[in-house]
C-alpha atoms as a PDB file:
ATOM      1  CA  MET A   1      85.946 105.981  88.883  1.00  0.00           C
ATOM      2  CA  GLY A   2      84.768 109.560  88.595  1.00  0.00           C
ATOM      3  CA  THR A   3      83.088 111.847  86.131  1.00  0.00           C
ATOM      4  CA  ARG A   4      84.365 112.218  82.575  1.00  0.00           C
ATOM      5  CA  LYS A   5      85.672 115.668  83.487  1.00  0.00           C
ATOM      6  CA  GLU A   6      87.538 114.303  86.522  1.00  0.00           C
ATOM      7  CA  ILE A   7      88.989 111.452  84.462  1.00  0.00           C
ATOM      8  CA  SER A   8      90.049 113.808  81.641  1.00  0.00           C
ATOM      9  CA  GLN A   9      92.009 115.905  84.157  1.00  0.00           C
ATOM     10  CA  LEU A  10      94.082 112.950  85.351  1.00  0.00           C
ATOM     11  CA  PRO A  11      97.680 112.713  84.171  1.00  0.00           C
ATOM     12  CA  PRO A  12      98.214 110.358  81.222  1.00  0.00           C
ATOM     13  CA  GLU A  13     100.151 107.904  83.387  1.00  0.00           C
ATOM     14  CA  ALA A  14      97.191 107.434  85.765  1.00  0.00           C
ATOM     15  CA  ASP A  15      96.323 103.759  86.017  1.00  0.00           C
ATOM     16  CA  LEU A  16      92.517 103.811  86.196  1.00  0.00           C
ATOM     17  CA  ALA A  17      92.136 100.037  86.342  1.00  0.00           C
ATOM     18  CA  ARG A  18      94.543  99.853  89.281  1.00  0.00           C
ATOM     19  CA  ALA A  19      92.785 102.737  91.076  1.00  0.00           C
ATOM     20  CA  ASP A  20      89.399 101.074  90.527  1.00  0.00           C
ATOM     21  CA  SER A  21      90.691  97.763  91.866  1.00  0.00           C
ATOM     22  CA  LEU A  22      92.188  99.454  94.927  1.00  0.00           C
ATOM     23  CA  ALA A  23      88.950 101.363  95.573  1.00  0.00           C
ATOM     24  CA  ARG A  24      86.989  98.103  95.515  1.00  0.00           C
ATOM     25  CA  GLU A  25      89.407  96.500  97.980  1.00  0.00           C
ATOM     26  CA  ILE A  26      89.293  99.436 100.397  1.00  0.00           C
ATOM     27  CA  PHE A  27      85.501  99.757 100.197  1.00  0.00           C
ATOM     28  CA  SER A  28      85.205  96.036 100.873  1.00  0.00           C
ATOM     29  CA  ASP A  29      87.459  96.399 103.915  1.00  0.00           C
ATOM     30  CA  VAL A  30      85.855  99.456 105.500  1.00  0.00           C
ATOM     31  CA  ALA A  31      82.216  98.795 104.631  1.00  0.00           C
ATOM     32  CA  ASN A  32      81.330  97.268 107.975  1.00  0.00           C
ATOM     33  CA  LYS A  33      79.671  98.723 111.033  1.00  0.00           C
ATOM     34  CA  TRP A  34      82.722  98.376 113.268  1.00  0.00           C
ATOM     35  CA  ALA A  35      85.093 100.198 110.923  1.00  0.00           C
ATOM     36  CA  PHE A  36      82.606 103.047 110.496  1.00  0.00           C
ATOM     37  CA  LEU A  37      82.148 103.329 114.271  1.00  0.00           C
ATOM     38  CA  ILE A  38      85.900 103.293 114.892  1.00  0.00           C
ATOM     39  CA  ILE A  39      86.386 106.020 112.287  1.00  0.00           C
ATOM     40  CA  GLU A  40      83.560 108.054 113.813  1.00  0.00           C
ATOM     41  CA  PHE A  41      84.942 107.846 117.373  1.00  0.00           C
ATOM     42  CA  LEU A  42      88.534 108.536 116.302  1.00  0.00           C
ATOM     43  CA  GLY A  43      87.169 111.616 114.545  1.00  0.00           C
ATOM     44  CA  GLN A  44      86.784 113.053 118.054  1.00  0.00           C
ATOM     45  CA  GLY A  45      90.541 112.743 118.618  1.00  0.00           C
ATOM     46  CA  THR A  46      93.278 110.320 119.596  1.00  0.00           C
ATOM     47  CA  MET A  47      92.122 107.403 121.746  1.00  0.00           C
ATOM     48  CA  ARG A  48      93.621 104.397 123.487  1.00  0.00           C
ATOM     49  CA  PHE A  49      92.424 100.864 122.709  1.00  0.00           C
ATOM     50  CA  SER A  50      90.481 100.590 125.971  1.00  0.00           C
ATOM     51  CA  GLU A  51      88.809 103.967 125.401  1.00  0.00           C
ATOM     52  CA  LEU A  52      87.677 102.893 121.938  1.00  0.00           C
ATOM     53  CA  ARG A  53      86.382  99.600 123.247  1.00  0.00           C
ATOM     54  CA  ASN A  54      84.402 101.347 125.998  1.00  0.00           C
ATOM     55  CA  GLU A  55      82.935 103.870 123.546  1.00  0.00           C
ATOM     56  CA  ILE A  56      81.936 101.251 120.962  1.00  0.00           C
ATOM     57  CA  GLY A  57      79.354  99.144 122.719  1.00  0.00           C
ATOM     58  CA  GLY A  58      79.287  95.467 121.847  1.00  0.00           C
ATOM     59  CA  ILE A  59      82.599  95.147 120.020  1.00  0.00           C
ATOM     60  CA  SER A  60      84.842  92.300 121.118  1.00  0.00           C
ATOM     61  CA  HIS A  61      88.559  92.696 121.791  1.00  0.00           C
ATOM     62  CA  LYS A  62      89.340  90.523 118.760  1.00  0.00           C
ATOM     63  CA  MET A  63      87.022  92.453 116.407  1.00  0.00           C
ATOM     64  CA  LEU A  64      88.412  95.821 117.516  1.00  0.00           C
ATOM     65  CA  THR A  65      91.966  94.546 117.025  1.00  0.00           C
ATOM     66  CA  GLN A  66      91.195  93.192 113.540  1.00  0.00           C
ATOM     67  CA  ASN A  67      89.489  96.393 112.431  1.00  0.00           C
ATOM     68  CA  LEU A  68      92.209  98.670 113.799  1.00  0.00           C
ATOM     69  CA  ARG A  69      94.847  96.603 111.977  1.00  0.00           C
ATOM     70  CA  MET A  70      92.850  96.746 108.742  1.00  0.00           C
ATOM     71  CA  LEU A  71      92.373 100.530 109.062  1.00  0.00           C
ATOM     72  CA  GLU A  72      96.082 100.951 109.795  1.00  0.00           C
ATOM     73  CA  ARG A  73      97.045  98.748 106.827  1.00  0.00           C
ATOM     74  CA  ASN A  74      94.877 100.930 104.554  1.00  0.00           C
ATOM     75  CA  GLY A  75      96.476 104.126 105.864  1.00  0.00           C
ATOM     76  CA  LEU A  76      93.356 105.401 107.631  1.00  0.00           C
ATOM     77  CA  VAL A  77      94.527 105.000 111.239  1.00  0.00           C
ATOM     78  CA  GLU A  78      97.924 105.623 112.759  1.00  0.00           C
ATOM     79  CA  ARG A  79      99.104 103.668 115.798  1.00  0.00           C
ATOM     80  CA  THR A  80     101.620 105.231 118.156  1.00  0.00           C
ATOM     81  CA  ILE A  81     103.392 103.132 120.785  1.00  0.00           C
ATOM     82  CA  HIS A  82     104.735 105.044 123.784  1.00  0.00           C
ATOM     83  CA  ALA A  83     107.730 103.559 125.600  1.00  0.00           C
ATOM     84  CA  THR A  84     106.179 103.415 129.049  1.00  0.00           C
ATOM     85  CA  VAL A  85     105.569 100.595 131.496  1.00  0.00           C
ATOM     86  CA  PRO A  86     103.125  99.228 130.624  1.00  0.00           C
ATOM     87  CA  PRO A  87     103.359 100.357 126.985  1.00  0.00           C
ATOM     88  CA  ARG A  88     100.698 102.866 125.960  1.00  0.00           C
ATOM     89  CA  VAL A  89      99.252 102.654 122.452  1.00  0.00           C
ATOM     90  CA  ASP A  90      97.276 105.510 120.912  1.00  0.00           C
ATOM     91  CA  TYR A  91      95.198 105.468 117.745  1.00  0.00           C
ATOM     92  CA  THR A  92      94.407 108.481 115.621  1.00  0.00           C
ATOM     93  CA  LEU A  93      92.953 109.092 112.183  1.00  0.00           C
ATOM     94  CA  THR A  94      95.324 109.982 109.390  1.00  0.00           C
ATOM     95  CA  GLU A  95      94.430 112.733 106.942  1.00  0.00           C
ATOM     96  CA  ALA A  96      92.955 110.080 104.632  1.00  0.00           C
ATOM     97  CA  GLY A  97      90.985 108.594 107.535  1.00  0.00           C
ATOM     98  CA  ASP A  98      89.597 112.009 108.452  1.00  0.00           C
ATOM     99  CA  ASP A  99      88.568 112.565 104.817  1.00  0.00           C
ATOM    100  CA  LEU A 100      86.751 109.225 104.900  1.00  0.00           C
ATOM    101  CA  ARG A 101      85.064 110.232 108.166  1.00  0.00           C
ATOM    102  CA  ARG A 102      83.634 113.288 106.396  1.00  0.00           C
ATOM    103  CA  VAL A 103      82.272 111.035 103.638  1.00  0.00           C
ATOM    104  CA  VAL A 104      80.697 108.720 106.234  1.00  0.00           C
ATOM    105  CA  ASP A 105      79.207 111.758 108.002  1.00  0.00           C
ATOM    106  CA  GLY A 106      77.740 112.814 104.658  1.00  0.00           C
ATOM    107  CA  MET A 107      76.189 109.373 104.198  1.00  0.00           C
ATOM    108  CA  CYS A 108      74.694 109.566 107.695  1.00  0.00           C
ATOM    109  CA  GLY A 109      73.292 113.005 106.889  1.00  0.00           C
ATOM    110  CA  TRP A 110      71.806 111.655 103.657  1.00  0.00           C
ATOM    111  CA  THR A 111      70.138 108.854 105.652  1.00  0.00           C
ATOM    112  CA  GLN A 112      68.682 111.327 108.132  1.00  0.00           C
ATOM    113  CA  ARG A 113      67.365 113.571 105.334  1.00  0.00           C
ATOM    114  CA  HIS A 114      65.693 110.656 103.529  1.00  0.00           C
ATOM    115  CA  LEU A 115      64.724 108.497 106.517  1.00  0.00           C
ATOM    116  CA  ARG A 116      60.963 108.848 106.078  1.00  0.00           C
ATOM    117  CA  HIS A 117      61.142 108.153 102.348  1.00  0.00           C
ATOM    118  CA  ILE A 118      63.308 105.051 102.873  1.00  0.00           C
ATOM    119  CA  GLU A 119      61.095 103.710 105.664  1.00  0.00           C
ATOM    120  CA  ALA A 120      57.921 104.319 103.619  1.00  0.00           C
ATOM    121  CA  SER A 121      59.446 102.534 100.638  1.00  0.00           C
ATOM    122  CA  ARG A 122      60.522  99.569 102.737  1.00  0.00           C
ATOM    123  CA  ASN A 123      57.137  99.325 104.443  1.00  0.00           C
ATOM    124  CA  GLY A 124      55.289  99.470 101.122  1.00  0.00           C
ATOM    125  CA  PHE A 125      57.565  97.117  99.199  1.00  0.00           C
ATOM    126  CA  ARG A 126      56.198  93.740  98.197  1.00  0.00           C
ATOM    127  CA  GLU A 127      58.292  91.117  96.456  1.00  0.00           C
ATOM    128  CA  PRO A 128      56.989  90.524  92.937  1.00  0.00           C
ATOM    129  CA  PRO A 129      55.817  86.976  92.205  1.00  0.00           C
ATOM    130  CA  ALA A 130      58.521  84.688  90.870  1.00  0.00           C
ATOM    131  CA  GLY A 131      58.556  84.109  87.187  1.00  0.00           C
END
């Protein structure tokens, strides 16, 4: 994935098929509304589970847990357990997670810039007849 110039600058040992496969897996994992919201809120700084849940309206305990685990597995979120009673767990974005947050912010900006065009296209679209 990338432009010809970007690909030509990669070292010869770069495994493009493996990188493409990994990109597809990660995009499949994070391309959901909950993951994007978690990334967006953690972009404000480290948060506890309960803080995240309160900030993200409508997310269940189970869904937040699943998404945090997936983001941690993909190296986008770091979980820190503090040895207190009761244990305190903090979540923060990694450098890779913060980079992804900037990409998501860019996509949101693109949507805002083109909102009227997208809405006009959707309102004017008619399915062509089958056949």
